[in-house]
Amino acid sequence: MPHHREKRILPYSAQQMYDLVADIGRYPEFLPWCKGARILSRTEKGVEADLIVGTKLFREKFTSVVTLDKPRAIVVEYKAGPLSNLSNEWAFKPMGRKSCEVSFDLDFDFRSPLLRAAMGAVFERALGRMIEAFEARARALYDR
């Protein structure tokens, strides 16, 4: 099962980064390949959401249950879609008043071994671009 982990120190507060990642409805505005986002239900502890991802050649819907532990962590558990599983966790650790450590940890696997072989490298590159997109969004929102 593929695993991806990143950790970065960013010049934004843990609260700012938490707010950015927790704002799932805005993902289509800045995430590559995110064509749509819909909140299906909301509770005090989190949301259930659909993300539509795609390119010119494919389009898929992922449904996830997102647990919000403000402002420390966001945990995503896969519910339905083209993968056999997907789970990820964002953690936000203050590093002073104006910076934080952001950790991103992702486990995923494709239903089909053929799809895994075909999409594995593409998925890894997409993850790298996704992290960069969150950083760019933080700069756009918080750098003044």
C-alpha atoms as a PDB file:
ATOM      1  CA  MET A   1       0.000   0.000   0.000  1.00  0.00           C
ATOM      2  CA  PRO A   2       1.545   3.345  -1.016  1.00  0.00           C
ATOM      3  CA  HIS A   3       2.367   5.778   1.770  1.00  0.00           C
ATOM      4  CA  HIS A   4       3.238   9.468   1.544  1.00  0.00           C
ATOM      5  CA  ARG A   5       4.505  11.627   4.408  1.00  0.00           C
ATOM      6  CA  GLU A   6       5.600  15.258   4.443  1.00  0.00           C
ATOM      7  CA  LYS A   7       6.517  17.669   7.190  1.00  0.00           C
ATOM      8  CA  ARG A   8       7.170  21.369   6.664  1.00  0.00           C
ATOM      9  CA  ILE A   9       7.730  24.452   8.784  1.00  0.00           C
ATOM     10  CA  LEU A  10       5.611  27.286   7.396  1.00  0.00           C
ATOM     11  CA  PRO A  11       5.511  30.994   8.322  1.00  0.00           C
ATOM     12  CA  TYR A  12       1.827  30.849   9.299  1.00  0.00           C
ATOM     13  CA  SER A  13       0.107  30.035  12.566  1.00  0.00           C
ATOM     14  CA  ALA A  14      -1.267  26.565  13.265  1.00  0.00           C
ATOM     15  CA  GLN A  15      -4.752  28.132  13.372  1.00  0.00           C
ATOM     16  CA  GLN A  16      -4.293  29.685   9.913  1.00  0.00           C
ATOM     17  CA  MET A  17      -3.134  26.405   8.377  1.00  0.00           C
ATOM     18  CA  TYR A  18      -5.880  24.452  10.124  1.00  0.00           C
ATOM     19  CA  ASP A  19      -8.508  26.902   8.791  1.00  0.00           C
ATOM     20  CA  LEU A  20      -7.125  26.613   5.260  1.00  0.00           C
ATOM     21  CA  VAL A  21      -7.155  22.792   5.218  1.00  0.00           C
ATOM     22  CA  ALA A  22     -10.531  22.549   6.993  1.00  0.00           C
ATOM     23  CA  ASP A  23     -12.213  24.758   4.351  1.00  0.00           C
ATOM     24  CA  ILE A  24     -12.994  21.828   2.044  1.00  0.00           C
ATOM     25  CA  GLY A  25     -15.586  23.741   0.019  1.00  0.00           C
ATOM     26  CA  ARG A  26     -12.842  26.036  -1.305  1.00  0.00           C
ATOM     27  CA  TYR A  27     -10.583  23.252  -2.599  1.00  0.00           C
ATOM     28  CA  PRO A  28     -11.691  23.634  -6.250  1.00  0.00           C
ATOM     29  CA  GLU A  29     -10.376  27.224  -6.145  1.00  0.00           C
ATOM     30  CA  PHE A  30      -6.754  26.151  -5.679  1.00  0.00           C
ATOM     31  CA  LEU A  31      -6.160  22.382  -5.732  1.00  0.00           C
ATOM     32  CA  PRO A  32      -5.016  20.887  -9.016  1.00  0.00           C
ATOM     33  CA  TRP A  33      -7.445  18.322 -10.379  1.00  0.00           C
ATOM     34  CA  CYS A  34     -10.147  19.190  -7.813  1.00  0.00           C
ATOM     35  CA  LYS A  35     -13.190  19.888  -9.970  1.00  0.00           C
ATOM     36  CA  GLY A  36     -15.772  20.050  -7.201  1.00  0.00           C
ATOM     37  CA  ALA A  37     -16.365  19.816  -3.454  1.00  0.00           C
ATOM     38  CA  ARG A  38     -19.644  19.238  -1.681  1.00  0.00           C
ATOM     39  CA  ILE A  39     -20.324  19.006   2.050  1.00  0.00           C
ATOM     40  CA  LEU A  40     -22.869  16.205   2.527  1.00  0.00           C
ATOM     41  CA  SER A  41     -23.309  16.591   6.292  1.00  0.00           C
ATOM     42  CA  ARG A  42     -21.775  18.591   9.126  1.00  0.00           C
ATOM     43  CA  THR A  43     -21.526  17.934  12.866  1.00  0.00           C
ATOM     44  CA  GLU A  44     -19.594  19.588  15.687  1.00  0.00           C
ATOM     45  CA  LYS A  45     -16.799  17.083  15.191  1.00  0.00           C
ATOM     46  CA  GLY A  46     -16.511  17.084  11.407  1.00  0.00           C
ATOM     47  CA  VAL A  47     -18.017  16.702   7.983  1.00  0.00           C
ATOM     48  CA  GLU A  48     -18.788  14.125   5.350  1.00  0.00           C
ATOM     49  CA  ALA A  49     -17.754  15.430   1.946  1.00  0.00           C
ATOM     50  CA  ASP A  50     -17.485  14.540  -1.722  1.00  0.00           C
ATOM     51  CA  LEU A  51     -14.505  15.656  -3.776  1.00  0.00           C
ATOM     52  CA  ILE A  52     -14.606  15.386  -7.544  1.00  0.00           C
ATOM     53  CA  VAL A  53     -11.127  14.999  -9.019  1.00  0.00           C
ATOM     54  CA  GLY A  54     -10.257  14.734 -12.652  1.00  0.00           C
ATOM     55  CA  THR A  55      -8.415  15.674 -15.789  1.00  0.00           C
ATOM     56  CA  LYS A  56      -9.482  15.706 -19.415  1.00  0.00           C
ATOM     57  CA  LEU A  57      -9.303  11.903 -19.453  1.00  0.00           C
ATOM     58  CA  PHE A  58     -10.956  10.876 -16.190  1.00  0.00           C
ATOM     59  CA  ARG A  59     -13.242  12.107 -13.433  1.00  0.00           C
ATOM     60  CA  GLU A  60     -13.836  10.375 -10.094  1.00  0.00           C
ATOM     61  CA  LYS A  61     -15.758  11.102  -6.909  1.00  0.00           C
ATOM     62  CA  PHE A  62     -14.271  10.429  -3.473  1.00  0.00           C
ATOM     63  CA  THR A  63     -16.470  10.449  -0.386  1.00  0.00           C
ATOM     64  CA  SER A  64     -14.736  10.919   2.963  1.00  0.00           C
ATOM     65  CA  VAL A  65     -15.542  11.440   6.615  1.00  0.00           C
ATOM     66  CA  VAL A  66     -13.407  14.275   7.978  1.00  0.00           C
ATOM     67  CA  THR A  67     -12.812  14.615  11.719  1.00  0.00           C
ATOM     68  CA  LEU A  68     -11.883  18.141  12.796  1.00  0.00           C
ATOM     69  CA  ASP A  69      -9.783  18.555  15.958  1.00  0.00           C
ATOM     70  CA  LYS A  70      -9.430  22.329  15.939  1.00  0.00           C
ATOM     71  CA  PRO A  71      -6.692  23.608  15.671  1.00  0.00           C
ATOM     72  CA  ARG A  72      -4.476  20.538  16.084  1.00  0.00           C
ATOM     73  CA  ALA A  73      -5.434  17.982  13.456  1.00  0.00           C
ATOM     74  CA  ILE A  74      -7.688  16.946  10.597  1.00  0.00           C
ATOM     75  CA  VAL A  75      -8.232  13.229   9.997  1.00  0.00           C
ATOM     76  CA  VAL A  76      -9.745  11.976   6.749  1.00  0.00           C
ATOM     77  CA  GLU A  77     -11.234   8.485   6.444  1.00  0.00           C
ATOM     78  CA  TYR A  78     -12.235   7.203   3.033  1.00  0.00           C
ATOM     79  CA  LYS A  79     -15.829   6.113   2.580  1.00  0.00           C
ATOM     80  CA  ALA A  80     -16.369   5.496  -1.169  1.00  0.00           C
ATOM     81  CA  GLY A  81     -14.706   5.966  -4.536  1.00  0.00           C
ATOM     82  CA  PRO A  82     -12.196   4.368  -6.903  1.00  0.00           C
ATOM     83  CA  LEU A  83      -9.654   3.339  -4.252  1.00  0.00           C
ATOM     84  CA  SER A  84      -9.705   0.349  -1.959  1.00  0.00           C
ATOM     85  CA  ASN A  85      -8.712   2.662   0.897  1.00  0.00           C
ATOM     86  CA  LEU A  86      -7.427   6.100   1.673  1.00  0.00           C
ATOM     87  CA  SER A  87      -6.684   7.711   5.000  1.00  0.00           C
ATOM     88  CA  ASN A  88      -4.782  10.813   5.772  1.00  0.00           C
ATOM     89  CA  GLU A  89      -4.006  13.069   8.668  1.00  0.00           C
ATOM     90  CA  TRP A  90      -2.949  16.673   8.839  1.00  0.00           C
ATOM     91  CA  ALA A  91      -1.290  17.833  12.077  1.00  0.00           C
ATOM     92  CA  PHE A  92      -0.562  21.456  12.964  1.00  0.00           C
ATOM     93  CA  LYS A  93       2.033  22.168  15.649  1.00  0.00           C
ATOM     94  CA  PRO A  94       2.731  25.764  16.728  1.00  0.00           C
ATOM     95  CA  MET A  95       6.372  26.805  16.378  1.00  0.00           C
ATOM     96  CA  GLY A  96       6.142  30.257  17.907  1.00  0.00           C
ATOM     97  CA  ARG A  97       3.536  32.920  17.347  1.00  0.00           C
ATOM     98  CA  LYS A  98       3.803  33.155  13.589  1.00  0.00           C
ATOM     99  CA  SER A  99       4.893  29.746  12.338  1.00  0.00           C
ATOM    100  CA  CYS A 100       3.948  26.102  12.595  1.00  0.00           C
ATOM    101  CA  GLU A 101       4.964  22.621  11.607  1.00  0.00           C
ATOM    102  CA  VAL A 102       2.499  21.023   9.216  1.00  0.00           C
ATOM    103  CA  SER A 103       2.567  17.237   8.907  1.00  0.00           C
ATOM    104  CA  PHE A 104       0.729  15.404   6.159  1.00  0.00           C
ATOM    105  CA  ASP A 105       0.480  11.610   6.316  1.00  0.00           C
ATOM    106  CA  LEU A 106      -1.368   9.597   3.650  1.00  0.00           C
ATOM    107  CA  ASP A 107      -2.007   5.896   3.056  1.00  0.00           C
ATOM    108  CA  PHE A 108      -3.872   4.808  -0.052  1.00  0.00           C
ATOM    109  CA  ASP A 109      -4.332   1.894  -2.391  1.00  0.00           C
ATOM    110  CA  PHE A 110      -6.093   1.262  -5.673  1.00  0.00           C
ATOM    111  CA  ARG A 111      -8.742  -1.426  -6.065  1.00  0.00           C
ATOM    112  CA  SER A 112      -7.046  -2.848  -9.125  1.00  0.00           C
ATOM    113  CA  PRO A 113      -3.378  -3.946  -9.263  1.00  0.00           C
ATOM    114  CA  LEU A 114      -3.342  -2.803 -12.899  1.00  0.00           C
ATOM    115  CA  LEU A 115      -4.599   0.650 -11.917  1.00  0.00           C
ATOM    116  CA  ARG A 116      -2.050   0.721  -9.084  1.00  0.00           C
ATOM    117  CA  ALA A 117       0.762   0.072 -11.552  1.00  0.00           C
ATOM    118  CA  ALA A 118      -0.554   2.632 -14.051  1.00  0.00           C
ATOM    119  CA  MET A 119      -1.458   5.397 -11.607  1.00  0.00           C
ATOM    120  CA  GLY A 120       0.997   4.997  -8.735  1.00  0.00           C
ATOM    121  CA  ALA A 121       3.707   7.356 -10.044  1.00  0.00           C
ATOM    122  CA  VAL A 122       1.129   9.860 -11.296  1.00  0.00           C
ATOM    123  CA  PHE A 123      -0.544   9.845  -7.885  1.00  0.00           C
ATOM    124  CA  GLU A 124       2.783  10.566  -6.147  1.00  0.00           C
ATOM    125  CA  ARG A 125       3.444  13.558  -8.420  1.00  0.00           C
ATOM    126  CA  ALA A 126      -0.115  14.784  -7.846  1.00  0.00           C
ATOM    127  CA  LEU A 127       0.425  14.642  -4.080  1.00  0.00           C
ATOM    128  CA  GLY A 128       3.530  16.796  -4.366  1.00  0.00           C
ATOM    129  CA  ARG A 129       1.612  19.371  -6.405  1.00  0.00           C
ATOM    130  CA  MET A 130      -1.249  19.240  -3.922  1.00  0.00           C
ATOM    131  CA  ILE A 131       1.035  20.147  -0.993  1.00  0.00           C
ATOM    132  CA  GLU A 132       2.523  22.980  -3.059  1.00  0.00           C
ATOM    133  CA  ALA A 133      -1.016  24.207  -3.813  1.00  0.00           C
ATOM    134  CA  PHE A 134      -1.835  24.412  -0.094  1.00  0.00           C
ATOM    135  CA  GLU A 135       1.360  26.424   0.482  1.00  0.00           C
ATOM    136  CA  ALA A 136       0.535  28.762  -2.411  1.00  0.00           C
ATOM    137  CA  ARG A 137      -2.990  29.217  -1.050  1.00  0.00           C
ATOM    138  CA  ALA A 138      -1.543  30.107   2.382  1.00  0.00           C
ATOM    139  CA  ARG A 139       0.695  32.733   0.753  1.00  0.00           C
ATOM    140  CA  ALA A 140      -2.265  34.171  -1.161  1.00  0.00           C
ATOM    141  CA  LEU A 141      -4.467  34.345   1.940  1.00  0.00           C
ATOM    142  CA  TYR A 142      -2.009  35.303   4.650  1.00  0.00           C
ATOM    143  CA  ASP A 143       0.953  37.185   3.121  1.00  0.00           C
ATOM    144  CA  ARG A 144       0.294  40.898   3.129  1.00  0.00           C
END
